[in-house]
Amino acid sequence: MIASPDKFIISPKNGSQYNNVKKIGDSDIIINTSIEEAIDVQRYGVVKSLPINYKGDIKVGYEVIVHHNIFRITYNDKGVPMQSDSHIIDDLFFADQELVYLSICQEQKKGANGYVFIKPIEEEVEFEGKKELQHIGIIRYICKELESQGLKEGDKICFRKNCEYEFNIDDERLYVMNHKRILAKLN
């Protein structure tokens, strides 16, 4: 296997660069045939090789959640589909360390490279119905940087505005953000 000085080498989970099939009953239904929408790009990858001098917690074989542009197919100026700039060969792709957000090992999920996943909070507002609270959430998947500061999964926190980057992990809508975007732990 090849190794990079500073990038992970990953392949898309289940060999698919797009996540556009939903299981309904016993049938697989294709929900989108377009490659334009970032929401349908596969964000789950499998680590095939670590950066040469990597000292972190991620190991070969771990699943990781990455930025959607790693596996994303685009069109060139002539309308021809092209692999992303991260593509190496076959089903292998480079992933910069800062574009790896979550590691998964035996169902254990942990924020990677200083990223944390936040579950938004909804509350019932009289005459308006359910509304999502702005800039407040619950830590769903924590990183070691926040753990070292005494925070834990399940803590209610507030975060800076305009840093919500939405992900769907295991059918749960979450925001990923750098741990430095967390402003305070709330009671």
Foldseek 3Di string as FASTA:
>chain_A
DDAAQAWWKKFFVVNDQFQQWDDDPNDIDRRDPDLPDLQGGGQKIFTQYHNPPDDDDDDHGWIWGFRSQQAGWDADPVRHIDGHPQDDDRRIGIGGQVGTAWTADPNQIAGGPQKWKWAWDWDQDPPPGIDTDFQKTFTQHYYVVVVVVVDDGGWIFGFDPPFFDWDQDPNGIIGMGGNVRTDDTDD
